[in-house]
Amino acid sequence: MERNRGLLSEVWDFLKVRKKWWLLPIIILLILAGALIIFGQSSALSPFIYALG
């Protein structure tokens, strides 16, 4: 049985094997947007983050 692998390693292998490098900027932007949402809800900096949008 294959060892348990993380999501990021699975995505990296998919990009590497299938040569779908054009998906990498989309994935990075989704991760950054998710981080902005998470930090915007629970941070003292949230008024400044909301002013950016």
C-alpha atoms as a PDB file:
ATOM      1  CA  MET A   1       0.000   0.000   0.000  1.00  0.00           C
ATOM      2  CA  GLU A   2       1.214   3.459  -0.836  1.00  0.00           C
ATOM      3  CA  ARG A   3       2.266   5.655   2.054  1.00  0.00           C
ATOM      4  CA  ASN A   4      -0.015   8.498   3.084  1.00  0.00           C
ATOM      5  CA  ARG A   5       0.950  11.657   1.219  1.00  0.00           C
ATOM      6  CA  GLY A   6      -0.017  15.248   1.766  1.00  0.00           C
ATOM      7  CA  LEU A   7      -2.185  17.302  -0.495  1.00  0.00           C
ATOM      8  CA  LEU A   8       0.640  19.583  -1.542  1.00  0.00           C
ATOM      9  CA  SER A   9       2.854  16.696  -2.624  1.00  0.00           C
ATOM     10  CA  GLU A  10      -0.016  15.209  -4.626  1.00  0.00           C
ATOM     11  CA  VAL A  11      -0.634  18.513  -6.395  1.00  0.00           C
ATOM     12  CA  TRP A  12       3.100  18.950  -7.059  1.00  0.00           C
ATOM     13  CA  ASP A  13       3.321  15.456  -8.582  1.00  0.00           C
ATOM     14  CA  PHE A  14       0.264  16.165 -10.733  1.00  0.00           C
ATOM     15  CA  LEU A  15       1.810  19.382 -12.054  1.00  0.00           C
ATOM     16  CA  LYS A  16       5.168  17.711 -12.652  1.00  0.00           C
ATOM     17  CA  VAL A  17       3.899  14.570 -14.401  1.00  0.00           C
ATOM     18  CA  ARG A  18       1.143  16.149 -16.500  1.00  0.00           C
ATOM     19  CA  LYS A  19       3.184  19.302 -17.234  1.00  0.00           C
ATOM     20  CA  LYS A  20       0.339  21.627 -16.241  1.00  0.00           C
ATOM     21  CA  TRP A  21       2.576  24.485 -15.129  1.00  0.00           C
ATOM     22  CA  TRP A  22      -0.021  27.062 -16.156  1.00  0.00           C
ATOM     23  CA  LEU A  23      -2.098  25.967 -13.129  1.00  0.00           C
ATOM     24  CA  LEU A  24       0.603  27.039 -10.670  1.00  0.00           C
ATOM     25  CA  PRO A  25      -0.227  30.802 -10.653  1.00  0.00           C
ATOM     26  CA  ILE A  26      -3.921  30.000 -10.169  1.00  0.00           C
ATOM     27  CA  ILE A  27      -3.155  27.734  -7.218  1.00  0.00           C
ATOM     28  CA  ILE A  28      -0.863  30.347  -5.651  1.00  0.00           C
ATOM     29  CA  LEU A  29      -3.519  33.055  -5.988  1.00  0.00           C
ATOM     30  CA  LEU A  30      -6.141  30.801  -4.398  1.00  0.00           C
ATOM     31  CA  ILE A  31      -3.840  30.080  -1.465  1.00  0.00           C
ATOM     32  CA  LEU A  32      -3.084  33.786  -1.016  1.00  0.00           C
ATOM     33  CA  ALA A  33      -6.769  34.726  -1.194  1.00  0.00           C
ATOM     34  CA  GLY A  34      -7.607  32.064   1.393  1.00  0.00           C
ATOM     35  CA  ALA A  35      -4.861  33.314   3.697  1.00  0.00           C
ATOM     36  CA  LEU A  36      -6.116  36.886   3.308  1.00  0.00           C
ATOM     37  CA  ILE A  37      -9.631  35.804   4.276  1.00  0.00           C
ATOM     38  CA  ILE A  38      -8.391  33.883   7.310  1.00  0.00           C
ATOM     39  CA  PHE A  39      -6.136  36.691   8.542  1.00  0.00           C
ATOM     40  CA  GLY A  40      -8.766  39.315   7.763  1.00  0.00           C
ATOM     41  CA  GLN A  41     -11.292  37.722  10.091  1.00  0.00           C
ATOM     42  CA  SER A  42      -9.114  37.278  13.141  1.00  0.00           C
ATOM     43  CA  SER A  43      -6.556  40.037  13.007  1.00  0.00           C
ATOM     44  CA  ALA A  44      -6.238  43.523  14.431  1.00  0.00           C
ATOM     45  CA  LEU A  45      -5.196  44.533  10.926  1.00  0.00           C
ATOM     46  CA  SER A  46      -8.561  43.588   9.436  1.00  0.00           C
ATOM     47  CA  PRO A  47      -9.744  47.190   8.878  1.00  0.00           C
ATOM     48  CA  PHE A  48      -6.620  47.808   6.774  1.00  0.00           C
ATOM     49  CA  ILE A  49      -7.053  44.557   4.847  1.00  0.00           C
ATOM     50  CA  TYR A  50     -10.682  45.415   4.063  1.00  0.00           C
ATOM     51  CA  ALA A  51      -9.579  48.846   2.862  1.00  0.00           C
ATOM     52  CA  LEU A  52      -7.397  47.126   0.237  1.00  0.00           C
ATOM     53  CA  GLY A  53     -10.355  45.327  -1.338  1.00  0.00           C
END
